[in-house]
Amino acid sequence: MAFHSILFETPGDGPPPVQPGEPEFFQDLNLNQFVKDATTGFEEYDLGPFFYVELHRESAVAYRQAVMRDLDDDDVLLCVQAFAAAMRKVRACVGEAERLYYVRQKQWWFHAATSVYCQAVKVFAAGLLDGRPRSGGLTAFSAWLADYVASDAFAMLERDIDAVRTALESVRYCYRVHGNAVTVFNFDGESDYGAYILEIFDRFKQGAVKNHGVEFRDWPEMNHVEAQVLDCVAELQPDPFARLTEFRTRHEHFLDETIAAFDREIEFYLAFRRYMQPCRDAGLPFSYPSVSATSKTIRCESTYDIVLAHKLSADKIGVVCNDLRLDGPERIFVVSGPNNGGKTTFARTFGQLHYLAKLGLPVPGKQAQLFLCDRIFTHFEREENTLDLRGKLQDDLMRIHAILA
């Protein structure tokens, strides 16, 4: 069966063919800071563009909300996190294969990457079946993944991995060091010289003594001597290394595109969950908003500016929550009050609520009912830009004209 995306219910929802840029209103609503903080530590996934793509259908919003609800289940969450960690290990192995110099070592790291990949996929497939997610997204991906694990292509990859591993594990050799010369030869039943040495010195033991052994770190890099020894072993026993070379060529594109896309997209949810956590730890509520493309009623209880709350919660400072409501023909909030009384924060909160809802994410507050608007416009005071040679009034008028045009 086909699977499109864990973020976008249909191809019409996204991802867009051209990578989107940051929306114009992001700076006014402090959403640029939100995306920066939310994606810190997730740089390898390039999550920023996902935060720039708004959803325009109720069903598309519900699709993401259902996935987020699944991740509220610890069993599903731990399963997804374990898969994400395993895929990071796969990329690390592939990175070593590309970074290292000696060919046979590069081939071995590539083989290690495929081995970790297959194990991660099988464990994840089993974990999703056991976790029984309810969302359409994770349910569909679980079914697709089960088909993938049962496919001939995946079975062939596993067989080839095992065959190469078995061949390499069968390699046994000896080497003799005499002065500056190292002689490599096939193992022919020679006794364990290390055990012989230990046996000789065993007679000198006088009970428990301090261990003066030195721990050597196992660096991934090979030096030129190790590489030459390996080349000699490959000349003596060419078949296992020929299999390794053939494996690298045959399975160069082992990573399935659907799995790679899922691995990146699921981090969108994990990044937002991590961003929410300081607020949750401070006792601030989040809820899944009821979103409508027809009803313009807006109701939110105990809501707040998520960016400000994220900062204050980390600093152990309390956050002021607000209720807001628009019913029937009501369309406008008029907010008055003294300077630093929270007017701008309230306005930002209103915009943030609608944008987070359009991303299919939980919003700040105990409960929320929001209109699925088609566009968001903002006009906040900005510092005068001396480079454009425009006065502040002219700049304000031009920005408003751009909104109304």
Protein backbone atom coordinates (compact mmCIF):
# COMPACT_ATOMS: atom_id res chain seq x y z
CA MET A 1 0.00 0.00 0.00
CA ALA A 2 1.08 3.60 -0.58
CA PHE A 3 1.87 6.07 2.19
CA HIS A 4 2.10 9.80 1.51
CA SER A 5 3.26 11.66 4.62
CA ILE A 6 2.97 11.73 8.40
CA LEU A 7 2.58 15.54 8.22
CA PHE A 8 0.35 16.07 5.20
CA GLU A 9 -2.85 14.08 4.79
CA THR A 10 -2.96 14.52 1.01
CA PRO A 11 -0.50 15.69 -1.65
CA GLY A 12 -2.60 18.84 -1.97
CA ASP A 13 -1.75 19.76 1.63
CA GLY A 14 1.99 19.52 1.05
CA PRO A 15 4.86 19.42 1.08
CA PRO A 16 5.07 22.25 -1.47
CA PRO A 17 7.30 21.73 -4.52
CA VAL A 18 9.31 24.85 -3.63
CA GLN A 19 10.70 25.25 -0.13
CA PRO A 20 8.72 28.07 1.54
CA GLY A 21 10.24 31.07 3.24
CA GLU A 22 9.38 32.59 6.59
CA PRO A 23 5.92 34.27 6.55
CA GLU A 24 5.89 38.07 6.83
CA PHE A 25 4.00 38.10 10.14
CA PHE A 26 6.47 35.84 11.95
CA GLN A 27 8.53 38.67 13.38
CA ASP A 28 5.48 40.56 14.69
CA LEU A 29 4.17 37.46 16.47
CA ASN A 30 7.61 36.37 17.72
CA LEU A 31 7.10 33.13 15.81
CA ASN A 32 10.59 33.45 14.36
CA GLN A 33 11.92 33.03 17.90
CA PHE A 34 9.50 30.15 18.44
CA VAL A 35 10.80 28.27 15.39
CA LYS A 36 14.41 28.99 16.32
CA ASP A 37 13.97 27.60 19.84
CA ALA A 38 11.79 24.68 18.76
CA THR A 39 14.26 23.49 16.14
CA THR A 40 17.44 23.95 18.19
CA GLY A 41 19.04 20.53 18.43
CA PHE A 42 17.12 19.32 15.39
CA GLU A 43 19.28 21.04 12.78
CA GLU A 44 20.01 17.84 10.85
CA TYR A 45 16.29 17.53 10.01
CA ASP A 46 15.82 21.05 8.58
CA LEU A 47 12.43 21.42 10.26
CA GLY A 48 12.04 25.16 9.67
CA PRO A 49 10.14 24.84 6.35
CA PHE A 50 7.54 22.59 8.00
CA PHE A 51 6.71 25.42 10.41
CA TYR A 52 6.17 27.77 7.47
CA VAL A 53 3.50 25.68 5.71
CA GLU A 54 -0.04 26.40 6.93
CA LEU A 55 -2.86 23.88 6.57
CA HIS A 56 -6.11 25.06 5.02
CA ARG A 57 -8.47 22.11 5.55
CA GLU A 58 -10.13 20.94 8.75
CA SER A 59 -9.33 17.33 7.89
CA ALA A 60 -5.64 18.14 7.39
CA VAL A 61 -5.51 19.81 10.81
CA ALA A 62 -7.29 16.87 12.44
CA TYR A 63 -4.79 14.50 10.76
CA ARG A 64 -1.88 16.12 12.61
CA GLN A 65 -3.77 16.50 15.86
CA ALA A 66 -4.45 12.76 15.85
CA VAL A 67 -0.75 11.99 15.42
CA MET A 68 0.10 14.33 18.30
CA ARG A 69 -2.49 12.56 20.46
CA ASP A 70 -0.87 9.22 19.64
CA LEU A 71 2.45 10.62 20.82
CA ASP A 72 0.83 11.47 24.15
CA ASP A 73 0.82 7.68 24.68
CA ASP A 74 4.15 6.74 26.29
CA ASP A 75 4.36 3.40 24.47
CA VAL A 76 3.99 5.02 21.06
CA LEU A 77 6.26 7.93 21.98
CA LEU A 78 9.08 5.70 23.24
CA CYS A 79 8.77 3.55 20.13
CA VAL A 80 9.08 6.58 17.85
CA GLN A 81 11.96 8.04 19.87
CA ALA A 82 13.86 4.74 19.75
CA PHE A 83 13.41 4.62 15.97
CA ALA A 84 14.62 8.21 15.62
CA ALA A 85 17.71 7.41 17.72
CA ALA A 86 18.45 4.32 15.61
CA MET A 87 18.14 6.33 12.40
CA ARG A 88 20.59 8.89 13.77
CA LYS A 89 23.00 6.00 14.31
CA VAL A 90 22.43 4.89 10.70
CA ARG A 91 23.33 8.37 9.47
CA ALA A 92 26.38 8.41 11.74
CA CYS A 93 27.61 5.14 10.22
CA VAL A 94 27.01 6.42 6.70
CA GLY A 95 28.86 9.59 7.67
CA GLU A 96 31.86 7.55 8.81
CA ALA A 97 31.74 5.59 5.56
CA GLU A 98 31.95 8.85 3.63
CA ARG A 99 34.54 10.49 5.90
CA LEU A 100 37.12 7.74 6.32
CA TYR A 101 39.96 7.20 3.87
CA TYR A 102 40.63 3.48 3.46
CA VAL A 103 38.26 1.74 1.08
CA ARG A 104 37.68 -1.47 3.01
CA GLN A 105 36.98 0.45 6.20
CA LYS A 106 34.52 2.66 4.34
CA GLN A 107 32.80 -0.47 3.04
CA TRP A 108 32.61 -1.96 6.53
CA TRP A 109 30.97 1.19 7.98
CA PHE A 110 28.46 1.14 5.13
CA HIS A 111 27.65 -2.47 5.98
CA ALA A 112 27.24 -1.45 9.63
CA ALA A 113 24.79 1.28 8.58
CA THR A 114 22.61 -1.18 6.68
CA SER A 115 22.65 -3.61 9.60
CA VAL A 116 21.50 -0.92 12.06
CA TYR A 117 18.89 0.22 9.54
CA CYS A 118 17.30 -3.22 9.12
CA GLN A 119 17.20 -3.82 12.85
CA ALA A 120 15.69 -0.38 13.48
CA VAL A 121 12.98 -0.89 10.87
CA LYS A 122 11.99 -4.32 12.18
CA VAL A 123 11.89 -3.18 15.81
CA PHE A 124 9.87 -0.10 14.87
CA ALA A 125 7.38 -2.12 12.83
CA ALA A 126 6.85 -4.48 15.77
CA GLY A 127 6.63 -1.57 18.22
CA LEU A 128 3.93 0.18 16.21
CA LEU A 129 1.89 -3.02 16.06
CA ASP A 130 2.18 -3.41 19.84
CA GLY A 131 1.52 0.30 20.51
CA ARG A 132 -1.67 0.30 18.41
CA PRO A 133 -1.75 3.97 17.41
CA ARG A 134 -5.17 5.35 16.57
CA SER A 135 -4.31 8.19 14.22
CA GLY A 136 -4.82 7.77 10.52
CA GLY A 137 -1.22 8.81 9.91
CA LEU A 138 0.56 6.34 12.18
CA THR A 139 -1.92 3.56 11.41
CA ALA A 140 -1.32 3.95 7.68
CA PHE A 141 2.44 4.11 8.15
CA SER A 142 2.38 1.02 10.38
CA ALA A 143 0.56 -0.91 7.66
CA TRP A 144 2.97 0.34 5.00
CA LEU A 145 5.97 -0.54 7.18
CA ALA A 146 4.67 -4.07 7.77
CA ASP A 147 4.42 -4.54 4.00
CA TYR A 148 7.91 -3.14 3.53
CA VAL A 149 9.44 -5.49 6.11
CA ALA A 150 7.70 -8.42 4.38
CA SER A 151 8.88 -7.34 0.91
CA ASP A 152 11.37 -9.27 -1.22
CA ALA A 153 13.68 -6.25 -1.41
CA PHE A 154 13.97 -5.99 2.37
CA ALA A 155 14.46 -9.75 2.71
CA MET A 156 17.25 -9.64 0.12
CA LEU A 157 18.96 -6.80 1.97
CA GLU A 158 18.86 -8.78 5.21
CA ARG A 159 20.18 -11.93 3.52
CA ASP A 160 23.06 -10.03 1.98
CA ILE A 161 23.90 -8.37 5.30
CA ASP A 162 24.01 -11.74 7.06
CA ALA A 163 26.04 -13.35 4.26
CA VAL A 164 28.70 -10.63 4.37
CA ARG A 165 28.79 -10.67 8.17
CA THR A 166 29.21 -14.46 8.23
CA ALA A 167 31.97 -14.27 5.61
CA LEU A 168 33.88 -11.60 7.53
CA GLU A 169 33.48 -13.44 10.84
CA SER A 170 35.10 -16.49 9.25
CA VAL A 171 38.31 -14.57 8.57
CA ARG A 172 41.15 -15.70 10.84
CA TYR A 173 44.75 -14.75 10.37
CA CYS A 174 48.05 -14.37 12.19
CA TYR A 175 50.83 -11.87 11.95
CA ARG A 176 54.42 -11.90 13.09
CA VAL A 177 56.31 -8.75 14.06
CA HIS A 178 60.09 -8.87 13.80
CA GLY A 179 61.85 -5.54 13.99
CA ASN A 180 60.22 -3.27 11.44
CA ALA A 181 58.77 -6.16 9.47
CA VAL A 182 55.18 -7.39 9.82
CA THR A 183 54.39 -10.73 8.22
CA VAL A 184 50.73 -11.69 7.71
CA PHE A 185 49.73 -15.30 7.10
CA ASN A 186 46.63 -17.49 7.30
CA PHE A 187 45.67 -19.06 10.59
CA ASP A 188 46.58 -22.74 10.61
CA GLY A 189 45.63 -23.99 14.04
CA GLU A 190 48.32 -22.05 15.88
CA SER A 191 47.98 -21.95 19.65
CA ASP A 192 46.97 -18.80 21.49
CA TYR A 193 50.29 -17.16 22.28
CA GLY A 194 48.62 -14.66 24.60
CA ALA A 195 47.26 -17.46 26.77
CA TYR A 196 50.74 -19.01 26.83
CA ILE A 197 52.28 -15.78 28.13
CA LEU A 198 49.60 -15.39 30.81
CA GLU A 199 50.20 -18.94 31.95
CA ILE A 200 53.93 -18.30 32.36
CA PHE A 201 53.44 -15.16 34.42
CA ASP A 202 50.61 -16.63 36.47
CA ARG A 203 53.15 -18.29 38.77
CA PHE A 204 54.41 -14.88 39.90
CA LYS A 205 51.05 -13.73 41.22
CA GLN A 206 50.99 -12.79 44.90
CA GLY A 207 47.29 -12.20 45.44
CA ALA A 208 45.21 -9.21 44.43
CA VAL A 209 47.32 -6.30 43.26
CA LYS A 210 46.65 -2.93 41.68
CA ASN A 211 45.75 -3.11 38.01
CA HIS A 212 48.25 -1.09 35.98
CA GLY A 213 46.59 -1.85 32.67
CA VAL A 214 46.06 1.02 30.25
CA GLU A 215 42.75 1.39 28.46
CA PHE A 216 43.15 2.07 24.75
CA ARG A 217 40.39 3.97 23.01
CA ASP A 218 38.95 2.31 19.95
CA TRP A 219 39.23 5.05 17.33
CA PRO A 220 37.26 4.59 14.10
CA GLU A 221 40.24 5.68 12.01
CA MET A 222 42.85 3.18 10.80
CA ASN A 223 46.53 4.01 10.55
CA HIS A 224 48.59 3.03 7.52
CA VAL A 225 50.01 -0.08 9.22
CA GLU A 226 46.55 -1.42 10.08
CA ALA A 227 45.39 -0.69 6.54
CA GLN A 228 48.35 -2.58 5.05
CA VAL A 229 47.71 -5.55 7.35
CA LEU A 230 44.08 -5.57 6.19
CA ASP A 231 45.20 -5.45 2.56
CA CYS A 232 47.42 -8.47 3.18
CA VAL A 233 44.55 -10.35 4.80
CA ALA A 234 42.34 -9.52 1.80
CA GLU A 235 44.99 -10.94 -0.53
CA LEU A 236 45.16 -14.14 1.49
CA GLN A 237 41.36 -14.49 1.81
CA PRO A 238 39.81 -12.49 -1.04
CA ASP A 239 36.26 -13.92 -1.05
CA PRO A 240 34.87 -12.20 2.12
CA PHE A 241 36.22 -8.83 1.00
CA ALA A 242 34.94 -9.30 -2.54
CA ARG A 243 31.50 -9.87 -1.04
CA LEU A 244 31.86 -6.69 0.99
CA THR A 245 32.75 -4.71 -2.14
CA GLU A 246 29.84 -6.19 -4.07
CA PHE A 247 27.47 -5.46 -1.17
CA ARG A 248 28.46 -1.79 -1.15
CA THR A 249 27.73 -1.51 -4.87
CA ARG A 250 24.48 -3.48 -4.85
CA HIS A 251 22.87 -1.70 -1.90
CA GLU A 252 24.18 1.82 -2.40
CA HIS A 253 20.63 3.21 -2.12
CA PHE A 254 19.44 0.97 0.73
CA LEU A 255 17.53 3.72 2.56
CA ASP A 256 13.89 3.73 1.47
CA GLU A 257 12.62 7.21 0.54
CA THR A 258 9.37 6.81 2.49
CA ILE A 259 11.24 5.84 5.66
CA ALA A 260 13.70 8.71 5.21
CA ALA A 261 10.81 11.18 4.79
CA PHE A 262 8.99 9.78 7.83
CA ASP A 263 12.16 9.95 9.92
CA ARG A 264 12.46 13.66 9.14
CA GLU A 265 8.79 14.60 9.37
CA ILE A 266 8.08 12.85 12.68
CA GLU A 267 10.69 15.11 14.28
CA PHE A 268 8.33 18.04 13.69
CA TYR A 269 6.05 16.57 16.35
CA LEU A 270 8.90 15.64 18.68
CA ALA A 271 10.41 19.12 18.42
CA PHE A 272 7.13 20.77 19.42
CA ARG A 273 6.60 18.30 22.27
CA ARG A 274 10.02 19.21 23.63
CA TYR A 275 9.24 22.93 23.24
CA MET A 276 6.00 22.54 25.21
CA GLN A 277 7.61 20.68 28.10
CA PRO A 278 8.94 23.66 30.14
CA CYS A 279 5.47 25.23 30.01
CA ARG A 280 3.83 21.97 31.03
CA ASP A 281 6.31 21.56 33.87
CA ALA A 282 5.26 25.01 35.08
CA GLY A 283 1.62 23.89 35.14
CA LEU A 284 0.54 25.76 32.01
CA PRO A 285 -2.17 24.00 29.99
CA PHE A 286 -2.23 22.97 26.33
CA SER A 287 -5.24 21.71 24.40
CA TYR A 288 -6.21 20.53 20.95
CA PRO A 289 -8.37 23.28 19.47
CA SER A 290 -11.68 22.68 17.76
CA VAL A 291 -11.05 24.20 14.32
CA SER A 292 -13.78 25.19 11.87
CA ALA A 293 -13.57 26.60 8.36
CA THR A 294 -17.15 27.93 8.60
CA SER A 295 -17.90 28.99 12.18
CA LYS A 296 -16.14 32.21 13.16
CA THR A 297 -16.82 31.79 16.86
CA ILE A 298 -13.58 32.11 18.86
CA ARG A 299 -13.29 30.93 22.44
CA CYS A 300 -10.14 30.31 24.44
CA GLU A 301 -9.73 29.67 28.14
CA SER A 302 -6.54 30.33 30.11
CA THR A 303 -4.45 31.05 27.04
CA TYR A 304 -1.09 32.84 26.89
CA ASP A 305 1.80 33.92 24.66
CA ILE A 306 3.66 30.65 24.07
CA VAL A 307 7.01 32.31 23.30
CA LEU A 308 6.92 34.51 26.39
CA ALA A 309 5.70 31.61 28.53
CA HIS A 310 8.50 29.37 27.26
CA LYS A 311 11.07 31.94 28.40
CA LEU A 312 9.39 32.75 31.72
CA SER A 313 8.86 29.09 32.58
CA ALA A 314 12.55 28.37 32.07
CA ASP A 315 13.30 31.29 34.44
CA LYS A 316 10.71 30.05 36.99
CA ILE A 317 8.58 33.18 36.57
CA GLY A 318 4.78 33.05 36.63
CA VAL A 319 2.71 33.56 33.48
CA VAL A 320 -0.55 35.55 33.28
CA CYS A 321 -3.28 33.70 31.36
CA ASN A 322 -6.30 35.24 29.64
CA ASP A 323 -9.71 34.15 28.41
CA LEU A 324 -11.02 35.50 25.11
CA ARG A 325 -14.28 35.11 23.21
CA LEU A 326 -15.96 36.31 20.01
CA ASP A 327 -19.55 35.21 19.36
CA GLY A 328 -22.07 35.79 16.59
CA PRO A 329 -21.25 38.86 14.51
CA GLU A 330 -18.38 39.95 16.79
CA ARG A 331 -15.12 40.24 14.87
CA ILE A 332 -12.93 42.80 16.68
CA PHE A 333 -11.12 42.97 20.01
CA VAL A 334 -10.40 46.47 21.32
CA VAL A 335 -7.69 46.26 23.97
CA SER A 336 -6.81 49.27 26.11
CA GLY A 337 -4.61 49.76 29.12
CA PRO A 338 -1.40 51.32 30.42
CA ASN A 339 2.02 50.83 28.93
CA ASN A 340 3.48 47.40 29.62
CA GLY A 341 0.02 46.23 30.57
CA GLY A 342 -0.01 43.26 28.21
CA LYS A 343 -1.79 44.69 25.15
CA THR A 344 0.88 43.63 22.66
CA THR A 345 1.26 40.27 24.36
CA PHE A 346 -2.49 39.71 24.05
CA ALA A 347 -2.38 40.58 20.34
CA ARG A 348 0.54 38.22 19.77
CA THR A 349 -1.28 35.50 21.67
CA PHE A 350 -4.30 35.86 19.38
CA GLY A 351 -2.14 35.50 16.27
CA GLN A 352 -0.09 32.63 17.70
CA LEU A 353 -3.24 30.69 18.57
CA HIS A 354 -4.48 30.79 15.01
CA TYR A 355 -1.15 29.93 13.48
CA LEU A 356 -0.45 26.99 15.79
CA ALA A 357 -3.97 25.73 15.06
CA LYS A 358 -3.24 25.95 11.31
CA LEU A 359 -0.14 23.81 11.92
CA GLY A 360 -2.29 21.13 13.56
CA LEU A 361 -0.53 21.57 16.91
CA PRO A 362 -1.84 21.94 20.47
CA VAL A 363 -2.40 25.55 21.50
CA PRO A 364 -1.85 27.27 24.86
CA GLY A 365 -4.94 27.08 27.04
CA LYS A 366 -7.36 24.71 28.73
CA GLN A 367 -9.67 24.66 25.72
CA ALA A 368 -9.98 26.51 22.43
CA GLN A 369 -12.37 26.94 19.53
CA LEU A 370 -10.85 28.74 16.54
CA PHE A 371 -11.73 29.78 13.01
CA LEU A 372 -9.52 28.27 10.30
CA CYS A 373 -8.61 31.56 8.66
CA ASP A 374 -7.10 31.68 5.19
CA ARG A 375 -4.48 34.39 5.86
CA ILE A 376 -2.88 36.11 8.85
CA PHE A 377 -1.93 39.79 8.65
CA THR A 378 -0.15 41.83 11.33
CA HIS A 379 0.89 45.43 11.74
CA PHE A 380 3.07 45.97 14.79
CA GLU A 381 5.35 48.89 15.58
CA ARG A 382 8.85 48.40 14.21
CA GLU A 383 12.10 50.25 14.62
CA GLU A 384 12.78 52.84 11.94
CA ASN A 385 15.09 51.58 9.21
CA THR A 386 17.57 54.35 8.37
CA LEU A 387 18.71 52.56 5.22
CA ASP A 388 15.43 52.83 3.27
CA LEU A 389 15.24 56.65 3.73
CA ARG A 390 11.57 56.41 4.72
CA GLY A 391 10.04 58.05 7.74
CA LYS A 392 8.15 56.02 10.32
CA LEU A 393 4.73 57.25 9.15
CA GLN A 394 5.51 56.46 5.51
CA ASP A 395 6.75 53.02 6.48
CA ASP A 396 3.56 52.31 8.44
CA LEU A 397 1.37 53.46 5.55
CA MET A 398 3.26 51.34 3.03
CA ARG A 399 2.99 48.25 5.22
CA ILE A 400 -0.75 48.77 5.71
CA HIS A 401 -1.19 49.34 1.98
CA ALA A 402 0.53 46.01 1.30
CA ILE A 403 -2.01 44.31 3.58
CA LEU A 404 -5.07 45.98 2.06
CA ALA A 405 -3.96 45.79 -1.57
